[in-house]
Amino acid sequence: MDRWKDRVAVVTGASSGIGEAIARSLAEHGMKVAALARRFDRLQKLQDDCKNYIGSLKSYKCDITNENEINSTIKLIVKDLGPISVLVNNAALYESVPLTDTSHGSCRNTHETNVIGLVTLTQHAVEIMKKHNIDDGHIININSVFGHCILSVVGTGNYFASKHAVLVLTECLKNELAAMKSNIRVTSISPGLVDTEMANIFTHNSVHHYPFLTTNDVLECLLFVLSVKPHVNISELIVQPVGETYATLSSAH
């Protein structure tokens, strides 16, 4: 991780869970971290917690479903901290929205958060890397095992589709960068159930006890893919708790 010291990392969804753990750790490792989320009060607490780290962490209120907010936030980050070397697309939303009726609302927020926001941030980050001749940058998408399977569970279709989209977008971005002869790396990390707010209904279920990962488990995977030699790209990393299968995931819903 030494080569990343004093360089800028952007982490979305940093107010809790995986994103918070990643943002905190990158600051501990000496990076200048831009922590993005909608819940600014939590980001400010995180910023205070990290004030004595080797690196630094600065909080930015940003709703990644709002393209104007993304544009203005990215410009502010570059002005405050410098050009971006690492982007961690972590922000995600899970909502149970059946495909057969409107009683549970729209799927719009799921796709705007999990897909469109991710693409928009990625476009900005790659443009900045190119402009500032950062040819060893890294784009990391926090995906899900649900981006690799389809379960027959009502209400999960939109979330599964969004995570399959992340899988495809990761591969397509890697292909586009290769065509440009760029050395920017692209990685998709796909965890199983993780003990976070999003998965509380499963990980804290009093009737069924499902195996789950901790945020630190996912963090260790991210630090690994950042730490390999610059000529090595970990394209896809699937990490699951021991005992988790597609059958157990089906019953979790």
C-alpha atoms as a PDB file:
ATOM      1  CA  MET A   1       0.000   0.000   0.000  1.00  0.00           C
ATOM      2  CA  ASP A   2       3.029   2.317   0.216  1.00  0.00           C
ATOM      3  CA  ARG A   3       2.697   3.509  -3.369  1.00  0.00           C
ATOM      4  CA  TRP A   4      -0.779   4.879  -2.622  1.00  0.00           C
ATOM      5  CA  LYS A   5       0.398   7.153   0.191  1.00  0.00           C
ATOM      6  CA  ASP A   6      -0.645  10.818  -0.281  1.00  0.00           C
ATOM      7  CA  ARG A   7      -2.800   9.931  -3.285  1.00  0.00           C
ATOM      8  CA  VAL A   8      -6.538  10.585  -3.528  1.00  0.00           C
ATOM      9  CA  ALA A   9      -9.219   7.927  -3.101  1.00  0.00           C
ATOM     10  CA  VAL A  10     -12.954   8.503  -3.498  1.00  0.00           C
ATOM     11  CA  VAL A  11     -15.251   6.157  -1.566  1.00  0.00           C
ATOM     12  CA  THR A  12     -19.026   6.274  -2.033  1.00  0.00           C
ATOM     13  CA  GLY A  13     -21.521   5.077   0.545  1.00  0.00           C
ATOM     14  CA  ALA A  14     -18.974   5.904   3.255  1.00  0.00           C
ATOM     15  CA  SER A  15     -21.393   6.746   6.062  1.00  0.00           C
ATOM     16  CA  SER A  16     -21.697   3.139   7.277  1.00  0.00           C
ATOM     17  CA  GLY A  17     -20.841  -0.495   6.676  1.00  0.00           C
ATOM     18  CA  ILE A  18     -18.343  -1.512   4.010  1.00  0.00           C
ATOM     19  CA  GLY A  19     -17.832   2.027   2.743  1.00  0.00           C
ATOM     20  CA  GLU A  20     -17.037   3.404   6.176  1.00  0.00           C
ATOM     21  CA  ALA A  21     -14.544   0.598   6.850  1.00  0.00           C
ATOM     22  CA  ILE A  22     -12.831   1.178   3.489  1.00  0.00           C
ATOM     23  CA  ALA A  23     -12.649   4.965   3.857  1.00  0.00           C
ATOM     24  CA  ARG A  24     -11.243   4.694   7.378  1.00  0.00           C
ATOM     25  CA  SER A  25      -8.629   2.108   6.399  1.00  0.00           C
ATOM     26  CA  LEU A  26      -7.400   3.990   3.320  1.00  0.00           C
ATOM     27  CA  ALA A  27      -6.868   7.077   5.484  1.00  0.00           C
ATOM     28  CA  GLU A  28      -4.975   4.912   7.980  1.00  0.00           C
ATOM     29  CA  HIS A  29      -2.751   3.775   5.113  1.00  0.00           C
ATOM     30  CA  GLY A  30      -1.858   7.353   4.246  1.00  0.00           C
ATOM     31  CA  MET A  31      -4.274   8.165   1.435  1.00  0.00           C
ATOM     32  CA  LYS A  32      -6.260  11.385   1.064  1.00  0.00           C
ATOM     33  CA  VAL A  33      -9.791  10.047   1.208  1.00  0.00           C
ATOM     34  CA  ALA A  34     -12.909  11.775  -0.086  1.00  0.00           C
ATOM     35  CA  ALA A  35     -15.795  10.100   1.764  1.00  0.00           C
ATOM     36  CA  LEU A  36     -19.147  10.488  -0.024  1.00  0.00           C
ATOM     37  CA  ALA A  37     -22.656   9.791   1.261  1.00  0.00           C
ATOM     38  CA  ARG A  38     -26.020  11.435   1.832  1.00  0.00           C
ATOM     39  CA  ARG A  39     -25.884  11.231   5.651  1.00  0.00           C
ATOM     40  CA  PHE A  40     -23.481  14.084   6.260  1.00  0.00           C
ATOM     41  CA  ASP A  41     -23.684  13.910  10.075  1.00  0.00           C
ATOM     42  CA  ARG A  42     -22.208  10.414   9.988  1.00  0.00           C
ATOM     43  CA  LEU A  43     -19.505  11.504   7.561  1.00  0.00           C
ATOM     44  CA  GLN A  44     -18.513  14.359   9.853  1.00  0.00           C
ATOM     45  CA  LYS A  45     -18.128  11.937  12.757  1.00  0.00           C
ATOM     46  CA  LEU A  46     -15.994   9.692  10.567  1.00  0.00           C
ATOM     47  CA  GLN A  47     -13.871  12.684   9.572  1.00  0.00           C
ATOM     48  CA  ASP A  48     -13.331  13.518  13.247  1.00  0.00           C
ATOM     49  CA  ASP A  49     -12.390   9.906  13.999  1.00  0.00           C
ATOM     50  CA  CYS A  50      -9.713   9.981  11.285  1.00  0.00           C
ATOM     51  CA  LYS A  51      -8.106  13.337  12.106  1.00  0.00           C
ATOM     52  CA  ASN A  52      -4.995  11.760  13.652  1.00  0.00           C
ATOM     53  CA  TYR A  53      -4.375   9.197  10.916  1.00  0.00           C
ATOM     54  CA  ILE A  54      -1.296   9.157   8.665  1.00  0.00           C
ATOM     55  CA  GLY A  55      -3.522  10.161   5.770  1.00  0.00           C
ATOM     56  CA  SER A  56      -6.643  12.290   5.836  1.00  0.00           C
ATOM     57  CA  LEU A  57     -10.376  11.990   5.311  1.00  0.00           C
ATOM     58  CA  LYS A  58     -12.675  14.752   4.118  1.00  0.00           C
ATOM     59  CA  SER A  59     -16.429  14.312   3.991  1.00  0.00           C
ATOM     60  CA  TYR A  60     -18.641  15.339   1.063  1.00  0.00           C
ATOM     61  CA  LYS A  61     -22.425  15.208   1.067  1.00  0.00           C
ATOM     62  CA  CYS A  62     -23.404  13.696  -2.270  1.00  0.00           C
ATOM     63  CA  ASP A  63     -26.456  11.866  -3.562  1.00  0.00           C
ATOM     64  CA  ILE A  64     -25.109   9.754  -6.414  1.00  0.00           C
ATOM     65  CA  THR A  65     -28.544   9.569  -8.038  1.00  0.00           C
ATOM     66  CA  ASN A  66     -28.165  13.297  -8.735  1.00  0.00           C
ATOM     67  CA  GLU A  67     -25.833  13.948 -11.666  1.00  0.00           C
ATOM     68  CA  ASN A  68     -25.439  17.632 -10.810  1.00  0.00           C
ATOM     69  CA  GLU A  69     -24.315  16.744  -7.282  1.00  0.00           C
ATOM     70  CA  ILE A  70     -21.798  14.263  -8.676  1.00  0.00           C
ATOM     71  CA  ASN A  71     -20.391  16.878 -11.056  1.00  0.00           C
ATOM     72  CA  SER A  72     -19.997  19.556  -8.396  1.00  0.00           C
ATOM     73  CA  THR A  73     -18.642  17.140  -5.792  1.00  0.00           C
ATOM     74  CA  ILE A  74     -15.976  15.710  -8.106  1.00  0.00           C
ATOM     75  CA  LYS A  75     -14.806  19.227  -9.021  1.00  0.00           C
ATOM     76  CA  LEU A  76     -14.600  20.133  -5.330  1.00  0.00           C
ATOM     77  CA  ILE A  77     -12.623  16.994  -4.500  1.00  0.00           C
ATOM     78  CA  VAL A  78     -10.024  17.738  -7.167  1.00  0.00           C
ATOM     79  CA  LYS A  79      -9.774  21.333  -5.933  1.00  0.00           C
ATOM     80  CA  ASP A  80      -9.475  20.304  -2.260  1.00  0.00           C
ATOM     81  CA  LEU A  81      -7.374  17.136  -2.465  1.00  0.00           C
ATOM     82  CA  GLY A  82      -5.986  16.754  -5.990  1.00  0.00           C
ATOM     83  CA  PRO A  83      -6.608  14.358  -8.891  1.00  0.00           C
ATOM     84  CA  ILE A  84      -8.246  11.022  -8.162  1.00  0.00           C
ATOM     85  CA  SER A  85      -6.133   7.842  -8.228  1.00  0.00           C
ATOM     86  CA  VAL A  86      -8.612   5.360  -6.720  1.00  0.00           C
ATOM     87  CA  LEU A  87     -12.399   5.191  -6.987  1.00  0.00           C
ATOM     88  CA  VAL A  88     -14.357   2.757  -4.830  1.00  0.00           C
ATOM     89  CA  ASN A  89     -17.940   2.505  -6.085  1.00  0.00           C
ATOM     90  CA  ASN A  90     -19.498   1.124  -2.929  1.00  0.00           C
ATOM     91  CA  ALA A  91     -22.844   2.917  -2.557  1.00  0.00           C
ATOM     92  CA  ALA A  92     -25.754   0.570  -3.183  1.00  0.00           C
ATOM     93  CA  LEU A  93     -29.443   0.193  -2.437  1.00  0.00           C
ATOM     94  CA  TYR A  94     -31.480  -2.949  -1.860  1.00  0.00           C
ATOM     95  CA  GLU A  95     -35.256  -2.715  -2.157  1.00  0.00           C
ATOM     96  CA  SER A  96     -37.723  -5.538  -2.604  1.00  0.00           C
ATOM     97  CA  VAL A  97     -39.736  -4.437  -5.644  1.00  0.00           C
ATOM     98  CA  PRO A  98     -41.768  -7.124  -7.459  1.00  0.00           C
ATOM     99  CA  LEU A  99     -41.832  -6.955 -11.228  1.00  0.00           C
ATOM    100  CA  THR A 100     -45.566  -7.684 -11.384  1.00  0.00           C
ATOM    101  CA  ASP A 101     -47.215  -4.711  -9.620  1.00  0.00           C
ATOM    102  CA  THR A 102     -46.670  -1.166  -8.372  1.00  0.00           C
ATOM    103  CA  SER A 103     -47.687  -1.672  -4.746  1.00  0.00           C
ATOM    104  CA  HIS A 104     -44.055  -1.635  -3.546  1.00  0.00           C
ATOM    105  CA  GLY A 105     -43.102   1.474  -5.497  1.00  0.00           C
ATOM    106  CA  SER A 106     -40.672   2.126  -8.314  1.00  0.00           C
ATOM    107  CA  CYS A 107     -37.388   0.424  -9.145  1.00  0.00           C
ATOM    108  CA  ARG A 108     -35.879   3.768 -10.197  1.00  0.00           C
ATOM    109  CA  ASN A 109     -33.841   4.390  -7.023  1.00  0.00           C
ATOM    110  CA  THR A 110     -32.250   0.933  -7.198  1.00  0.00           C
ATOM    111  CA  HIS A 111     -30.945   1.372 -10.734  1.00  0.00           C
ATOM    112  CA  GLU A 112     -30.014   5.041 -10.348  1.00  0.00           C
ATOM    113  CA  THR A 113     -27.950   4.207  -7.246  1.00  0.00           C
ATOM    114  CA  ASN A 114     -26.464   0.848  -8.174  1.00  0.00           C
ATOM    115  CA  VAL A 115     -25.859   1.423 -11.891  1.00  0.00           C
ATOM    116  CA  ILE A 116     -26.247   4.975 -13.210  1.00  0.00           C
ATOM    117  CA  GLY A 117     -24.466   6.636 -10.285  1.00  0.00           C
ATOM    118  CA  LEU A 118     -21.647   4.110 -10.526  1.00  0.00           C
ATOM    119  CA  VAL A 119     -21.197   4.734 -14.263  1.00  0.00           C
ATOM    120  CA  THR A 120     -21.297   8.516 -13.874  1.00  0.00           C
ATOM    121  CA  LEU A 121     -18.684   8.521 -11.113  1.00  0.00           C
ATOM    122  CA  THR A 122     -16.502   6.151 -13.110  1.00  0.00           C
ATOM    123  CA  GLN A 123     -16.640   8.394 -16.180  1.00  0.00           C
ATOM    124  CA  HIS A 124     -15.531  11.398 -14.126  1.00  0.00           C
ATOM    125  CA  ALA A 125     -12.756   9.470 -12.374  1.00  0.00           C
ATOM    126  CA  VAL A 126     -11.293   8.071 -15.602  1.00  0.00           C
ATOM    127  CA  GLU A 127     -11.418  11.493 -17.272  1.00  0.00           C
ATOM    128  CA  ILE A 128      -9.494  12.996 -14.342  1.00  0.00           C
ATOM    129  CA  MET A 129      -6.927  10.184 -14.392  1.00  0.00           C
ATOM    130  CA  LYS A 130      -6.373  10.717 -18.124  1.00  0.00           C
ATOM    131  CA  LYS A 131      -6.149  14.511 -17.763  1.00  0.00           C
ATOM    132  CA  HIS A 132      -3.541  14.266 -15.002  1.00  0.00           C
ATOM    133  CA  ASN A 133      -1.596  11.374 -16.554  1.00  0.00           C
ATOM    134  CA  ILE A 134      -2.468   8.967 -13.753  1.00  0.00           C
ATOM    135  CA  ASP A 135      -1.919   5.728 -15.655  1.00  0.00           C
ATOM    136  CA  ASP A 136      -1.819   3.436 -12.627  1.00  0.00           C
ATOM    137  CA  GLY A 137      -5.200   4.335 -11.126  1.00  0.00           C
ATOM    138  CA  HIS A 138      -7.700   1.785  -9.881  1.00  0.00           C
ATOM    139  CA  ILE A 139     -11.502   1.567 -10.174  1.00  0.00           C
ATOM    140  CA  ILE A 140     -13.047  -0.857  -7.690  1.00  0.00           C
ATOM    141  CA  ASN A 141     -16.730  -1.785  -7.849  1.00  0.00           C
ATOM    142  CA  ILE A 142     -18.241  -3.371  -4.759  1.00  0.00           C
ATOM    143  CA  ASN A 143     -20.611  -5.801  -6.415  1.00  0.00           C
ATOM    144  CA  SER A 144     -22.402  -8.834  -4.904  1.00  0.00           C
ATOM    145  CA  VAL A 145     -22.695 -12.583  -5.356  1.00  0.00           C
ATOM    146  CA  PHE A 146     -26.161 -11.671  -6.620  1.00  0.00           C
ATOM    147  CA  GLY A 147     -24.386 -10.296  -9.675  1.00  0.00           C
ATOM    148  CA  HIS A 148     -23.447 -13.907 -10.487  1.00  0.00           C
ATOM    149  CA  CYS A 149     -26.708 -15.772  -9.963  1.00  0.00           C
ATOM    150  CA  ILE A 150     -30.477 -15.564 -10.305  1.00  0.00           C
ATOM    151  CA  LEU A 151     -32.647 -16.858  -7.478  1.00  0.00           C
ATOM    152  CA  SER A 152     -36.369 -17.563  -7.741  1.00  0.00           C
ATOM    153  CA  VAL A 153     -37.305 -15.057  -5.053  1.00  0.00           C
ATOM    154  CA  VAL A 154     -40.071 -12.517  -5.620  1.00  0.00           C
ATOM    155  CA  GLY A 155     -38.922  -8.915  -5.321  1.00  0.00           C
ATOM    156  CA  THR A 156     -35.215  -9.454  -5.965  1.00  0.00           C
ATOM    157  CA  GLY A 157     -35.231  -9.049  -9.753  1.00  0.00           C
ATOM    158  CA  ASN A 158     -34.271  -5.369  -9.900  1.00  0.00           C
ATOM    159  CA  TYR A 159     -31.472  -5.700  -7.367  1.00  0.00           C
ATOM    160  CA  PHE A 160     -30.106  -8.789  -9.123  1.00  0.00           C
ATOM    161  CA  ALA A 161     -30.328  -7.023 -12.494  1.00  0.00           C
ATOM    162  CA  SER A 162     -28.450  -4.011 -11.139  1.00  0.00           C
ATOM    163  CA  LYS A 163     -25.655  -6.189  -9.808  1.00  0.00           C
ATOM    164  CA  HIS A 164     -25.435  -8.178 -13.043  1.00  0.00           C
ATOM    165  CA  ALA A 165     -25.090  -4.804 -14.762  1.00  0.00           C
ATOM    166  CA  VAL A 166     -22.140  -3.949 -12.509  1.00  0.00           C
ATOM    167  CA  LEU A 167     -20.472  -7.210 -13.553  1.00  0.00           C
ATOM    168  CA  VAL A 168     -20.918  -6.370 -17.252  1.00  0.00           C
ATOM    169  CA  LEU A 169     -19.873  -2.729 -16.814  1.00  0.00           C
ATOM    170  CA  THR A 170     -16.706  -3.748 -14.980  1.00  0.00           C
ATOM    171  CA  GLU A 171     -15.662  -6.033 -17.822  1.00  0.00           C
ATOM    172  CA  CYS A 172     -16.569  -3.484 -20.503  1.00  0.00           C
ATOM    173  CA  LEU A 173     -14.608  -0.746 -18.730  1.00  0.00           C
ATOM    174  CA  LYS A 174     -11.595  -3.031 -18.554  1.00  0.00           C
ATOM    175  CA  ASN A 175     -11.908  -3.660 -22.304  1.00  0.00           C
ATOM    176  CA  GLU A 176     -12.197   0.062 -23.117  1.00  0.00           C
ATOM    177  CA  LEU A 177      -9.134   0.899 -21.018  1.00  0.00           C
ATOM    178  CA  ALA A 178      -7.163  -1.904 -22.672  1.00  0.00           C
ATOM    179  CA  ALA A 179      -8.100  -0.520 -26.093  1.00  0.00           C
ATOM    180  CA  MET A 180      -6.714   2.853 -24.943  1.00  0.00           C
ATOM    181  CA  LYS A 181      -3.457   1.140 -23.869  1.00  0.00           C
ATOM    182  CA  SER A 182      -4.171   2.387 -20.353  1.00  0.00           C
ATOM    183  CA  ASN A 183      -2.747   0.733 -17.245  1.00  0.00           C
ATOM    184  CA  ILE A 184      -5.694   1.803 -15.071  1.00  0.00           C
ATOM    185  CA  ARG A 185      -6.935  -1.309 -13.292  1.00  0.00           C
ATOM    186  CA  VAL A 186     -10.556  -2.373 -12.801  1.00  0.00           C
ATOM    187  CA  THR A 187     -11.844  -4.797 -10.173  1.00  0.00           C
ATOM    188  CA  SER A 188     -15.231  -6.150  -9.143  1.00  0.00           C
ATOM    189  CA  ILE A 189     -15.419  -7.451  -5.564  1.00  0.00           C
ATOM    190  CA  SER A 190     -18.516  -9.581  -4.984  1.00  0.00           C
ATOM    191  CA  PRO A 191     -19.295 -10.377  -1.334  1.00  0.00           C
ATOM    192  CA  GLY A 192     -21.959 -12.696  -0.045  1.00  0.00           C
ATOM    193  CA  LEU A 193     -24.073 -11.631   2.929  1.00  0.00           C
ATOM    194  CA  VAL A 194     -22.234  -8.986   4.968  1.00  0.00           C
ATOM    195  CA  ASP A 195     -23.211  -7.881   8.467  1.00  0.00           C
ATOM    196  CA  THR A 196     -24.286  -4.330   7.571  1.00  0.00           C
ATOM    197  CA  GLU A 197     -27.428  -2.218   7.896  1.00  0.00           C
ATOM    198  CA  MET A 198     -28.535  -3.343   4.430  1.00  0.00           C
ATOM    199  CA  ALA A 199     -28.471  -7.003   5.479  1.00  0.00           C
ATOM    200  CA  ASN A 200     -29.868  -6.637   9.023  1.00  0.00           C
ATOM    201  CA  ILE A 201     -33.020  -8.535   8.117  1.00  0.00           C
ATOM    202  CA  PHE A 202     -30.853 -11.571   7.298  1.00  0.00           C
ATOM    203  CA  THR A 203     -27.795 -11.350   9.550  1.00  0.00           C
ATOM    204  CA  HIS A 204     -29.838 -10.566  12.679  1.00  0.00           C
ATOM    205  CA  ASN A 205     -32.653 -12.986  11.929  1.00  0.00           C
ATOM    206  CA  SER A 206     -33.777 -14.597  15.193  1.00  0.00           C
ATOM    207  CA  VAL A 207     -35.264 -17.674  13.498  1.00  0.00           C
ATOM    208  CA  HIS A 208     -32.696 -18.552  10.825  1.00  0.00           C
ATOM    209  CA  HIS A 209     -28.977 -18.188  11.346  1.00  0.00           C
ATOM    210  CA  TYR A 210     -27.202 -17.483   8.072  1.00  0.00           C
ATOM    211  CA  PRO A 211     -23.425 -17.349   7.660  1.00  0.00           C
ATOM    212  CA  PHE A 212     -22.196 -13.834   6.981  1.00  0.00           C
ATOM    213  CA  LEU A 213     -19.040 -11.803   6.438  1.00  0.00           C
ATOM    214  CA  THR A 214     -17.881  -8.792   8.417  1.00  0.00           C
ATOM    215  CA  THR A 215     -17.025  -5.471   6.820  1.00  0.00           C
ATOM    216  CA  ASN A 216     -13.375  -6.160   7.652  1.00  0.00           C
ATOM    217  CA  ASP A 217     -13.503  -9.322   5.527  1.00  0.00           C
ATOM    218  CA  VAL A 218     -14.475  -7.237   2.499  1.00  0.00           C
ATOM    219  CA  LEU A 219     -11.941  -4.569   3.438  1.00  0.00           C
ATOM    220  CA  GLU A 220      -9.130  -7.135   3.440  1.00  0.00           C
ATOM    221  CA  CYS A 221     -10.110  -8.129  -0.102  1.00  0.00           C
ATOM    222  CA  LEU A 222      -9.966  -4.515  -1.235  1.00  0.00           C
ATOM    223  CA  LEU A 223      -6.553  -3.935   0.347  1.00  0.00           C
ATOM    224  CA  PHE A 224      -5.324  -7.098  -1.372  1.00  0.00           C
ATOM    225  CA  VAL A 225      -6.384  -5.997  -4.868  1.00  0.00           C
ATOM    226  CA  LEU A 226      -4.857  -2.548  -4.296  1.00  0.00           C
ATOM    227  CA  SER A 227      -1.613  -4.053  -3.043  1.00  0.00           C
ATOM    228  CA  VAL A 228      -0.719  -6.446  -5.847  1.00  0.00           C
ATOM    229  CA  LYS A 229       1.997  -5.364  -8.274  1.00  0.00           C
ATOM    230  CA  PRO A 230       0.937  -2.677 -10.787  1.00  0.00           C
ATOM    231  CA  HIS A 231       1.110  -5.076 -13.745  1.00  0.00           C
ATOM    232  CA  VAL A 232      -1.394  -7.433 -12.064  1.00  0.00           C
ATOM    233  CA  ASN A 233      -5.157  -6.873 -12.258  1.00  0.00           C
ATOM    234  CA  ILE A 234      -7.565  -8.822 -10.041  1.00  0.00           C
ATOM    235  CA  SER A 235     -10.576  -8.588 -12.349  1.00  0.00           C
ATOM    236  CA  GLU A 236     -13.086 -10.388 -10.158  1.00  0.00           C
ATOM    237  CA  LEU A 237     -12.965 -11.456  -6.518  1.00  0.00           C
ATOM    238  CA  ILE A 238     -15.890 -13.389  -5.051  1.00  0.00           C
ATOM    239  CA  VAL A 239     -15.832 -13.699  -1.258  1.00  0.00           C
ATOM    240  CA  GLN A 240     -18.409 -15.655   0.744  1.00  0.00           C
ATOM    241  CA  PRO A 241     -18.693 -16.880   4.310  1.00  0.00           C
ATOM    242  CA  VAL A 242     -18.025 -20.577   4.755  1.00  0.00           C
ATOM    243  CA  GLY A 243     -21.287 -22.462   4.354  1.00  0.00           C
ATOM    244  CA  GLU A 244     -23.000 -19.908   2.138  1.00  0.00           C
ATOM    245  CA  THR A 245     -24.522 -21.418  -1.011  1.00  0.00           C
ATOM    246  CA  TYR A 246     -27.139 -20.261  -3.497  1.00  0.00           C
ATOM    247  CA  ALA A 247     -29.567 -22.490  -1.596  1.00  0.00           C
ATOM    248  CA  THR A 248     -28.915 -20.688   1.697  1.00  0.00           C
ATOM    249  CA  LEU A 249     -29.182 -17.328  -0.075  1.00  0.00           C
ATOM    250  CA  SER A 250     -32.567 -18.341  -1.475  1.00  0.00           C
ATOM    251  CA  SER A 251     -33.845 -19.246   1.981  1.00  0.00           C
ATOM    252  CA  ALA A 252     -32.487 -15.971   3.367  1.00  0.00           C
ATOM    253  CA  HIS A 253     -35.177 -14.142   1.430  1.00  0.00           C
END
